[in-house]
PDB file of all heavy atoms in Angstrom:
ATOM      1  N   ALA A   1      -4.459   5.980 -17.356  1.00  0.00           N
ATOM      2  CA  ALA A   1      -5.906   6.092 -17.593  1.00  0.00           C
ATOM      3  C   ALA A   1      -6.526   4.721 -17.805  1.00  0.00           C
ATOM      4  O   ALA A   1      -7.608   4.436 -17.272  1.00  0.00           O
ATOM      5  CB  ALA A   1      -6.177   6.994 -18.797  1.00  0.00           C
ATOM      6  N   GLY A   2      -5.855   3.863 -18.557  1.00  0.00           N
ATOM      7  CA  GLY A   2      -6.369   2.514 -18.762  1.00  0.00           C
ATOM      8  C   GLY A   2      -6.479   1.745 -17.457  1.00  0.00           C
ATOM      9  O   GLY A   2      -7.476   1.067 -17.198  1.00  0.00           O
ATOM     10  N   ASP A   3      -5.473   1.868 -16.625  1.00  0.00           N
ATOM     11  CA  ASP A   3      -5.479   1.214 -15.320  1.00  0.00           C
ATOM     12  C   ASP A   3      -6.609   1.764 -14.448  1.00  0.00           C
ATOM     13  O   ASP A   3      -7.334   1.006 -13.793  1.00  0.00           O
ATOM     14  CB  ASP A   3      -4.127   1.394 -14.638  1.00  0.00           C
ATOM     15  CG  ASP A   3      -4.021   0.621 -13.347  1.00  0.00           C
ATOM     16  OD1 ASP A   3      -4.417  -0.568 -13.325  1.00  0.00           O
ATOM     17  OD2 ASP A   3      -3.529   1.194 -12.348  1.00  0.00           O
ATOM     18  N   MET A   4      -6.764   3.079 -14.436  1.00  0.00           N
ATOM     19  CA  MET A   4      -7.834   3.698 -13.640  1.00  0.00           C
ATOM     20  C   MET A   4      -9.210   3.239 -14.126  1.00  0.00           C
ATOM     21  O   MET A   4     -10.087   2.939 -13.314  1.00  0.00           O
ATOM     22  CB  MET A   4      -7.744   5.223 -13.733  1.00  0.00           C
ATOM     23  CG  MET A   4      -6.514   5.820 -13.093  1.00  0.00           C
ATOM     24  SD  MET A   4      -6.446   5.634 -11.313  1.00  0.00           S
ATOM     25  CE  MET A   4      -7.871   6.554 -10.816  1.00  0.00           C
ATOM     26  N   ARG A   5      -9.389   3.170 -15.421  1.00  0.00           N
ATOM     27  CA  ARG A   5     -10.691   2.762 -15.967  1.00  0.00           C
ATOM     28  C   ARG A   5     -11.007   1.306 -15.635  1.00  0.00           C
ATOM     29  O   ARG A   5     -12.166   0.962 -15.406  1.00  0.00           O
ATOM     30  CB  ARG A   5     -10.721   3.001 -17.471  1.00  0.00           C
ATOM     31  CG  ARG A   5     -10.786   4.482 -17.817  1.00  0.00           C
ATOM     32  CD  ARG A   5     -10.674   4.726 -19.308  1.00  0.00           C
ATOM     33  NE  ARG A   5     -10.791   6.154 -19.599  1.00  0.00           N
ATOM     34  CZ  ARG A   5     -10.059   6.788 -20.492  1.00  0.00           C
ATOM     35  NH1 ARG A   5      -9.166   6.130 -21.222  1.00  0.00           N
ATOM     36  NH2 ARG A   5     -10.214   8.074 -20.685  1.00  0.00           N
ATOM     37  N   ARG A   6      -9.992   0.455 -15.622  1.00  0.00           N
ATOM     38  CA  ARG A   6     -10.213  -0.953 -15.250  1.00  0.00           C
ATOM     39  C   ARG A   6     -10.525  -1.098 -13.765  1.00  0.00           C
ATOM     40  O   ARG A   6     -11.417  -1.848 -13.376  1.00  0.00           O
ATOM     41  CB  ARG A   6      -8.991  -1.803 -15.589  1.00  0.00           C
ATOM     42  CG  ARG A   6      -8.846  -2.162 -17.059  1.00  0.00           C
ATOM     43  CD  ARG A   6      -7.721  -3.153 -17.315  1.00  0.00           C
ATOM     44  NE  ARG A   6      -6.411  -2.613 -16.983  1.00  0.00           N
ATOM     45  CZ  ARG A   6      -5.704  -1.778 -17.761  1.00  0.00           C
ATOM     46  NH1 ARG A   6      -6.211  -1.385 -18.912  1.00  0.00           N
ATOM     47  NH2 ARG A   6      -4.523  -1.339 -17.381  1.00  0.00           N
ATOM     48  N   ARG A   7      -9.788  -0.393 -12.952  1.00  0.00           N
ATOM     49  CA  ARG A   7      -9.936  -0.536 -11.505  1.00  0.00           C
ATOM     50  C   ARG A   7     -11.141   0.215 -10.950  1.00  0.00           C
ATOM     51  O   ARG A   7     -11.727  -0.202  -9.953  1.00  0.00           O
ATOM     52  CB  ARG A   7      -8.670  -0.052 -10.811  1.00  0.00           C
ATOM     53  CG  ARG A   7      -7.473  -0.935 -11.144  1.00  0.00           C
ATOM     54  CD  ARG A   7      -6.199  -0.400 -10.578  1.00  0.00           C
ATOM     55  NE  ARG A   7      -6.174  -0.684  -9.150  1.00  0.00           N
ATOM     56  CZ  ARG A   7      -5.240  -0.216  -8.334  1.00  0.00           C
ATOM     57  NH1 ARG A   7      -4.285   0.556  -8.798  1.00  0.00           N
ATOM     58  NH2 ARG A   7      -5.264  -0.519  -7.057  1.00  0.00           N
ATOM     59  N   PHE A   8     -11.492   1.321 -11.574  1.00  0.00           N
ATOM     60  CA  PHE A   8     -12.578   2.172 -11.084  1.00  0.00           C
ATOM     61  C   PHE A   8     -13.501   2.544 -12.251  1.00  0.00           C
ATOM     62  O   PHE A   8     -13.566   3.704 -12.673  1.00  0.00           O
ATOM     63  CB  PHE A   8     -12.009   3.432 -10.433  1.00  0.00           C
ATOM     64  CG  PHE A   8     -10.993   3.155  -9.368  1.00  0.00           C
ATOM     65  CD1 PHE A   8      -9.631   3.291  -9.641  1.00  0.00           C
ATOM     66  CD2 PHE A   8     -11.386   2.725  -8.109  1.00  0.00           C
ATOM     67  CE1 PHE A   8      -8.684   3.028  -8.661  1.00  0.00           C
ATOM     68  CE2 PHE A   8     -10.448   2.460  -7.126  1.00  0.00           C
ATOM     69  CZ  PHE A   8      -9.089   2.602  -7.399  1.00  0.00           C
ATOM     70  N   PRO A   9     -14.232   1.564 -12.777  1.00  0.00           N
ATOM     71  CA  PRO A   9     -15.017   1.796 -14.000  1.00  0.00           C
ATOM     72  C   PRO A   9     -16.119   2.846 -13.859  1.00  0.00           C
ATOM     73  O   PRO A   9     -16.579   3.388 -14.860  1.00  0.00           O
ATOM     74  CB  PRO A   9     -15.601   0.419 -14.322  1.00  0.00           C
ATOM     75  CG  PRO A   9     -15.547  -0.342 -13.040  1.00  0.00           C
ATOM     76  CD  PRO A   9     -14.387   0.204 -12.267  1.00  0.00           C
ATOM     77  N   ASP A  10     -16.533   3.173 -12.646  1.00  0.00           N
ATOM     78  CA  ASP A  10     -17.609   4.144 -12.456  1.00  0.00           C
ATOM     79  C   ASP A  10     -17.106   5.588 -12.392  1.00  0.00           C
ATOM     80  O   ASP A  10     -17.904   6.524 -12.329  1.00  0.00           O
ATOM     81  CB  ASP A  10     -18.390   3.829 -11.178  1.00  0.00           C
ATOM     82  CG  ASP A  10     -19.114   2.489 -11.281  1.00  0.00           C
ATOM     83  OD1 ASP A  10     -19.441   2.070 -12.415  1.00  0.00           O
ATOM     84  OD2 ASP A  10     -19.336   1.862 -10.233  1.00  0.00           O
ATOM     85  N   ILE A  11     -15.781   5.767 -12.405  1.00  0.00           N
ATOM     86  CA  ILE A  11     -15.220   7.116 -12.340  1.00  0.00           C
ATOM     87  C   ILE A  11     -14.781   7.540 -13.742  1.00  0.00           C
ATOM     88  O   ILE A  11     -13.917   6.902 -14.340  1.00  0.00           O
ATOM     89  CB  ILE A  11     -14.018   7.171 -11.373  1.00  0.00           C
ATOM     90  CG1 ILE A  11     -14.470   6.826  -9.952  1.00  0.00           C
ATOM     91  CG2 ILE A  11     -13.357   8.553 -11.422  1.00  0.00           C
ATOM     92  CD1 ILE A  11     -13.341   6.742  -8.950  1.00  0.00           C
ATOM     93  N   PRO A  12     -15.387   8.578 -14.270  1.00  0.00           N
ATOM     94  CA  PRO A  12     -14.972   9.043 -15.601  1.00  0.00           C
ATOM     95  C   PRO A  12     -13.539   9.588 -15.554  1.00  0.00           C
ATOM     96  O   PRO A  12     -13.164  10.281 -14.609  1.00  0.00           O
ATOM     97  CB  PRO A  12     -15.967  10.142 -15.947  1.00  0.00           C
ATOM     98  CG  PRO A  12     -16.768  10.404 -14.739  1.00  0.00           C
ATOM     99  CD  PRO A  12     -16.472   9.359 -13.715  1.00  0.00           C
ATOM    100  N   VAL A  13     -12.768   9.255 -16.583  1.00  0.00           N
ATOM    101  CA  VAL A  13     -11.372   9.682 -16.658  1.00  0.00           C
ATOM    102  C   VAL A  13     -11.170  10.447 -17.961  1.00  0.00           C
ATOM    103  O   VAL A  13     -11.465   9.936 -19.040  1.00  0.00           O
ATOM    104  CB  VAL A  13     -10.408   8.476 -16.602  1.00  0.00           C
ATOM    105  CG1 VAL A  13      -8.970   8.923 -16.773  1.00  0.00           C
ATOM    106  CG2 VAL A  13     -10.589   7.713 -15.294  1.00  0.00           C
ATOM    107  N   ASP A  14     -10.690  11.671 -17.840  1.00  0.00           N
ATOM    108  CA  ASP A  14     -10.322  12.476 -19.004  1.00  0.00           C
ATOM    109  C   ASP A  14      -8.805  12.583 -19.054  1.00  0.00           C
ATOM    110  O   ASP A  14      -8.156  12.726 -18.020  1.00  0.00           O
ATOM    111  CB  ASP A  14     -10.913  13.883 -18.905  1.00  0.00           C
ATOM    112  CG  ASP A  14     -12.409  13.906 -19.093  1.00  0.00           C
ATOM    113  OD1 ASP A  14     -12.842  13.606 -20.221  1.00  0.00           O
ATOM    114  OD2 ASP A  14     -13.130  14.212 -18.132  1.00  0.00           O
ATOM    115  N   ILE A  15      -8.254  12.538 -20.262  1.00  0.00           N
ATOM    116  CA  ILE A  15      -6.818  12.701 -20.467  1.00  0.00           C
ATOM    117  C   ILE A  15      -6.576  14.037 -21.151  1.00  0.00           C
ATOM    118  O   ILE A  15      -7.232  14.362 -22.141  1.00  0.00           O
ATOM    119  CB  ILE A  15      -6.245  11.578 -21.347  1.00  0.00           C
ATOM    120  CG1 ILE A  15      -6.405  10.219 -20.669  1.00  0.00           C
ATOM    121  CG2 ILE A  15      -4.776  11.841 -21.662  1.00  0.00           C
ATOM    122  CD1 ILE A  15      -5.996   9.053 -21.565  1.00  0.00           C
ATOM    123  N   VAL A  16      -5.608  14.782 -20.619  1.00  0.00           N
ATOM    124  CA  VAL A  16      -5.196  16.039 -21.244  1.00  0.00           C
ATOM    125  C   VAL A  16      -3.688  15.970 -21.452  1.00  0.00           C
ATOM    126  O   VAL A  16      -2.944  15.697 -20.515  1.00  0.00           O
ATOM    127  CB  VAL A  16      -5.535  17.253 -20.352  1.00  0.00           C
ATOM    128  CG1 VAL A  16      -4.998  18.533 -20.970  1.00  0.00           C
ATOM    129  CG2 VAL A  16      -7.034  17.339 -20.118  1.00  0.00           C
ATOM    130  N   ILE A  17      -3.267  16.192 -22.681  1.00  0.00           N
ATOM    131  CA  ILE A  17      -1.839  16.267 -22.988  1.00  0.00           C
ATOM    132  C   ILE A  17      -1.484  17.754 -23.067  1.00  0.00           C
ATOM    133  O   ILE A  17      -1.978  18.478 -23.940  1.00  0.00           O
ATOM    134  CB  ILE A  17      -1.498  15.557 -24.316  1.00  0.00           C
ATOM    135  CG1 ILE A  17      -1.986  14.098 -24.291  1.00  0.00           C
ATOM    136  CG2 ILE A  17       0.005  15.642 -24.596  1.00  0.00           C
ATOM    137  CD1 ILE A  17      -1.412  13.250 -23.177  1.00  0.00           C
ATOM    138  N   ALA A  18      -0.665  18.190 -22.105  1.00  0.00           N
ATOM    139  CA  ALA A  18      -0.278  19.599 -22.048  1.00  0.00           C
ATOM    140  C   ALA A  18       0.936  19.739 -21.143  1.00  0.00           C
ATOM    141  O   ALA A  18       1.252  18.836 -20.368  1.00  0.00           O
ATOM    142  CB  ALA A  18      -1.431  20.447 -21.512  1.00  0.00           C
ATOM    143  N   SER A  19       1.573  20.878 -21.243  1.00  0.00           N
ATOM    144  CA  SER A  19       2.733  21.173 -20.410  1.00  0.00           C
ATOM    145  C   SER A  19       2.353  22.167 -19.326  1.00  0.00           C
ATOM    146  O   SER A  19       1.723  23.197 -19.612  1.00  0.00           O
ATOM    147  CB  SER A  19       3.865  21.754 -21.253  1.00  0.00           C
ATOM    148  OG  SER A  19       4.915  22.198 -20.411  1.00  0.00           O
ATOM    149  N   ILE A  20       2.785  21.880 -18.101  1.00  0.00           N
ATOM    150  CA  ILE A  20       2.555  22.823 -17.011  1.00  0.00           C
ATOM    151  C   ILE A  20       3.338  24.106 -17.226  1.00  0.00           C
ATOM    152  O   ILE A  20       3.053  25.123 -16.608  1.00  0.00           O
ATOM    153  CB  ILE A  20       2.896  22.207 -15.644  1.00  0.00           C
ATOM    154  CG1 ILE A  20       4.377  21.849 -15.553  1.00  0.00           C
ATOM    155  CG2 ILE A  20       2.002  21.018 -15.369  1.00  0.00           C
ATOM    156  CD1 ILE A  20       4.842  21.476 -14.159  1.00  0.00           C
ATOM    157  N   ARG A  21       4.297  24.064 -18.124  1.00  0.00           N
ATOM    158  CA  ARG A  21       5.103  25.245 -18.436  1.00  0.00           C
ATOM    159  C   ARG A  21       4.308  26.268 -19.249  1.00  0.00           C
ATOM    160  O   ARG A  21       4.686  27.426 -19.320  1.00  0.00           O
ATOM    161  CB  ARG A  21       6.328  24.817 -19.229  1.00  0.00           C
ATOM    162  CG  ARG A  21       7.177  23.843 -18.452  1.00  0.00           C
ATOM    163  CD  ARG A  21       8.083  23.084 -19.353  1.00  0.00           C
ATOM    164  NE  ARG A  21       9.180  23.933 -19.790  1.00  0.00           N
ATOM    165  CZ  ARG A  21      10.352  23.482 -20.149  1.00  0.00           C
ATOM    166  NH1 ARG A  21      10.595  22.195 -20.142  1.00  0.00           N
ATOM    167  NH2 ARG A  21      11.292  24.308 -20.509  1.00  0.00           N
ATOM    168  N   ASP A  22       3.237  25.823 -19.849  1.00  0.00           N
ATOM    169  CA  ASP A  22       2.406  26.662 -20.709  1.00  0.00           C
ATOM    170  C   ASP A  22       1.229  27.207 -19.889  1.00  0.00           C
ATOM    171  O   ASP A  22       0.221  26.540 -19.692  1.00  0.00           O
ATOM    172  CB  ASP A  22       1.911  25.821 -21.892  1.00  0.00           C
ATOM    173  CG  ASP A  22       1.086  26.605 -22.883  1.00  0.00           C
ATOM    174  OD1 ASP A  22       0.565  27.691 -22.537  1.00  0.00           O
ATOM    175  OD2 ASP A  22       0.934  26.108 -24.017  1.00  0.00           O
ATOM    176  N   ARG A  23       1.387  28.418 -19.409  1.00  0.00           N
ATOM    177  CA  ARG A  23       0.372  29.022 -18.535  1.00  0.00           C
ATOM    178  C   ARG A  23      -0.998  29.091 -19.212  1.00  0.00           C
ATOM    179  O   ARG A  23      -2.018  28.832 -18.582  1.00  0.00           O
ATOM    180  CB  ARG A  23       0.841  30.411 -18.113  1.00  0.00           C
ATOM    181  CG  ARG A  23      -0.101  31.116 -17.168  1.00  0.00           C
ATOM    182  CD  ARG A  23       0.469  32.470 -16.737  1.00  0.00           C
ATOM    183  NE  ARG A  23      -0.517  33.281 -16.071  1.00  0.00           N
ATOM    184  CZ  ARG A  23      -0.910  33.123 -14.826  1.00  0.00           C
ATOM    185  NH1 ARG A  23      -0.408  32.163 -14.092  1.00  0.00           N
ATOM    186  NH2 ARG A  23      -1.813  33.910 -14.300  1.00  0.00           N
ATOM    187  N   ASN A  24      -1.026  29.441 -20.491  1.00  0.00           N
ATOM    188  CA  ASN A  24      -2.307  29.518 -21.197  1.00  0.00           C
ATOM    189  C   ASN A  24      -2.990  28.164 -21.269  1.00  0.00           C
ATOM    190  O   ASN A  24      -4.213  28.066 -21.101  1.00  0.00           O
ATOM    191  CB  ASN A  24      -2.107  30.091 -22.596  1.00  0.00           C
ATOM    192  CG  ASN A  24      -1.716  31.555 -22.578  1.00  0.00           C
ATOM    193  OD1 ASN A  24      -2.041  32.286 -21.647  1.00  0.00           O
ATOM    194  ND2 ASN A  24      -0.992  31.982 -23.590  1.00  0.00           N
ATOM    195  N   ALA A  25      -2.219  27.115 -21.510  1.00  0.00           N
ATOM    196  CA  ALA A  25      -2.796  25.767 -21.545  1.00  0.00           C
ATOM    197  C   ALA A  25      -3.359  25.395 -20.180  1.00  0.00           C
ATOM    198  O   ALA A  25      -4.447  24.810 -20.087  1.00  0.00           O
ATOM    199  CB  ALA A  25      -1.753  24.746 -21.983  1.00  0.00           C
ATOM    200  N   MET A  26      -2.641  25.744 -19.117  1.00  0.00           N
ATOM    201  CA  MET A  26      -3.133  25.438 -17.763  1.00  0.00           C
ATOM    202  C   MET A  26      -4.425  26.198 -17.480  1.00  0.00           C
ATOM    203  O   MET A  26      -5.363  25.650 -16.904  1.00  0.00           O
ATOM    204  CB  MET A  26      -2.079  25.773 -16.710  1.00  0.00           C
ATOM    205  CG  MET A  26      -0.855  24.870 -16.723  1.00  0.00           C
ATOM    206  SD  MET A  26      -1.235  23.115 -16.511  1.00  0.00           S
ATOM    207  CE  MET A  26      -1.312  22.577 -18.228  1.00  0.00           C
ATOM    208  N   GLU A  27      -4.482  27.423 -17.920  1.00  0.00           N
ATOM    209  CA  GLU A  27      -5.707  28.198 -17.708  1.00  0.00           C
ATOM    210  C   GLU A  27      -6.887  27.563 -18.450  1.00  0.00           C
ATOM    211  O   GLU A  27      -7.992  27.468 -17.911  1.00  0.00           O
ATOM    212  CB  GLU A  27      -5.506  29.651 -18.136  1.00  0.00           C
ATOM    213  CG  GLU A  27      -6.685  30.517 -17.775  1.00  0.00           C
ATOM    214  CD  GLU A  27      -6.329  31.981 -17.680  1.00  0.00           C
ATOM    215  OE1 GLU A  27      -5.267  32.389 -18.186  1.00  0.00           O
ATOM    216  OE2 GLU A  27      -7.137  32.725 -17.092  1.00  0.00           O
ATOM    217  N   GLU A  28      -6.659  27.116 -19.667  1.00  0.00           N
ATOM    218  CA  GLU A  28      -7.728  26.445 -20.428  1.00  0.00           C
ATOM    219  C   GLU A  28      -8.188  25.169 -19.731  1.00  0.00           C
ATOM    220  O   GLU A  28      -9.394  24.897 -19.646  1.00  0.00           O
ATOM    221  CB  GLU A  28      -7.235  26.112 -21.833  1.00  0.00           C
ATOM    222  CG  GLU A  28      -7.056  27.323 -22.717  1.00  0.00           C
ATOM    223  CD  GLU A  28      -6.413  26.983 -24.052  1.00  0.00           C
ATOM    224  OE1 GLU A  28      -6.320  25.789 -24.403  1.00  0.00           O
ATOM    225  OE2 GLU A  28      -5.993  27.923 -24.754  1.00  0.00           O
ATOM    226  N   VAL A  29      -7.253  24.391 -19.234  1.00  0.00           N
ATOM    227  CA  VAL A  29      -7.602  23.130 -18.556  1.00  0.00           C
ATOM    228  C   VAL A  29      -8.397  23.414 -17.285  1.00  0.00           C
ATOM    229  O   VAL A  29      -9.437  22.788 -17.033  1.00  0.00           O
ATOM    230  CB  VAL A  29      -6.333  22.310 -18.238  1.00  0.00           C
ATOM    231  CG1 VAL A  29      -6.648  21.142 -17.313  1.00  0.00           C
ATOM    232  CG2 VAL A  29      -5.688  21.816 -19.521  1.00  0.00           C
ATOM    233  N   PHE A  30      -7.933  24.351 -16.473  1.00  0.00           N
ATOM    234  CA  PHE A  30      -8.638  24.663 -15.227  1.00  0.00           C
ATOM    235  C   PHE A  30     -10.007  25.278 -15.504  1.00  0.00           C
ATOM    236  O   PHE A  30     -10.968  24.983 -14.793  1.00  0.00           O
ATOM    237  CB  PHE A  30      -7.794  25.576 -14.344  1.00  0.00           C
ATOM    238  CG  PHE A  30      -6.813  24.828 -13.483  1.00  0.00           C
ATOM    239  CD1 PHE A  30      -5.627  24.365 -14.014  1.00  0.00           C
ATOM    240  CD2 PHE A  30      -7.081  24.586 -12.146  1.00  0.00           C
ATOM    241  CE1 PHE A  30      -4.718  23.667 -13.231  1.00  0.00           C
ATOM    242  CE2 PHE A  30      -6.191  23.896 -11.343  1.00  0.00           C
ATOM    243  CZ  PHE A  30      -4.996  23.438 -11.886  1.00  0.00           C
ATOM    244  N   ALA A  31     -10.113  26.102 -16.525  1.00  0.00           N
ATOM    245  CA  ALA A  31     -11.411  26.686 -16.873  1.00  0.00           C
ATOM    246  C   ALA A  31     -12.389  25.606 -17.335  1.00  0.00           C
ATOM    247  O   ALA A  31     -13.574  25.657 -17.010  1.00  0.00           O
ATOM    248  CB  ALA A  31     -11.234  27.747 -17.953  1.00  0.00           C
ATOM    249  N   ARG A  32     -11.888  24.639 -18.055  1.00  0.00           N
ATOM    250  CA  ARG A  32     -12.754  23.575 -18.576  1.00  0.00           C
ATOM    251  C   ARG A  32     -13.200  22.603 -17.487  1.00  0.00           C
ATOM    252  O   ARG A  32     -14.372  22.246 -17.411  1.00  0.00           O
ATOM    253  CB  ARG A  32     -12.017  22.805 -19.670  1.00  0.00           C
ATOM    254  CG  ARG A  32     -12.805  21.644 -20.223  1.00  0.00           C
ATOM    255  CD  ARG A  32     -12.067  20.931 -21.331  1.00  0.00           C
ATOM    256  NE  ARG A  32     -12.786  19.732 -21.728  1.00  0.00           N
ATOM    257  CZ  ARG A  32     -12.260  18.768 -22.439  1.00  0.00           C
ATOM    258  NH1 ARG A  32     -11.006  18.850 -22.855  1.00  0.00           N
ATOM    259  NH2 ARG A  32     -12.963  17.698 -22.753  1.00  0.00           N
ATOM    260  N   PHE A  33     -12.276  22.172 -16.637  1.00  0.00           N
ATOM    261  CA  PHE A  33     -12.583  21.098 -15.691  1.00  0.00           C
ATOM    262  C   PHE A  33     -12.886  21.570 -14.273  1.00  0.00           C
ATOM    263  O   PHE A  33     -13.501  20.832 -13.506  1.00  0.00           O
ATOM    264  CB  PHE A  33     -11.436  20.079 -15.659  1.00  0.00           C
ATOM    265  CG  PHE A  33     -11.306  19.306 -16.931  1.00  0.00           C
ATOM    266  CD1 PHE A  33     -10.308  19.609 -17.849  1.00  0.00           C
ATOM    267  CD2 PHE A  33     -12.194  18.280 -17.241  1.00  0.00           C
ATOM    268  CE1 PHE A  33     -10.183  18.902 -19.029  1.00  0.00           C
ATOM    269  CE2 PHE A  33     -12.072  17.561 -18.424  1.00  0.00           C
ATOM    270  CZ  PHE A  33     -11.070  17.876 -19.319  1.00  0.00           C
TER     271      PHE A  33
END
């Protein structure tokens, strides 16, 4: 994310810490973004 923000400052970057193994977490992430 730090590298992306330096190289592409006009593109907003969000970080999500989650496991793809957790279906409910994936559903929350996809619903949000």
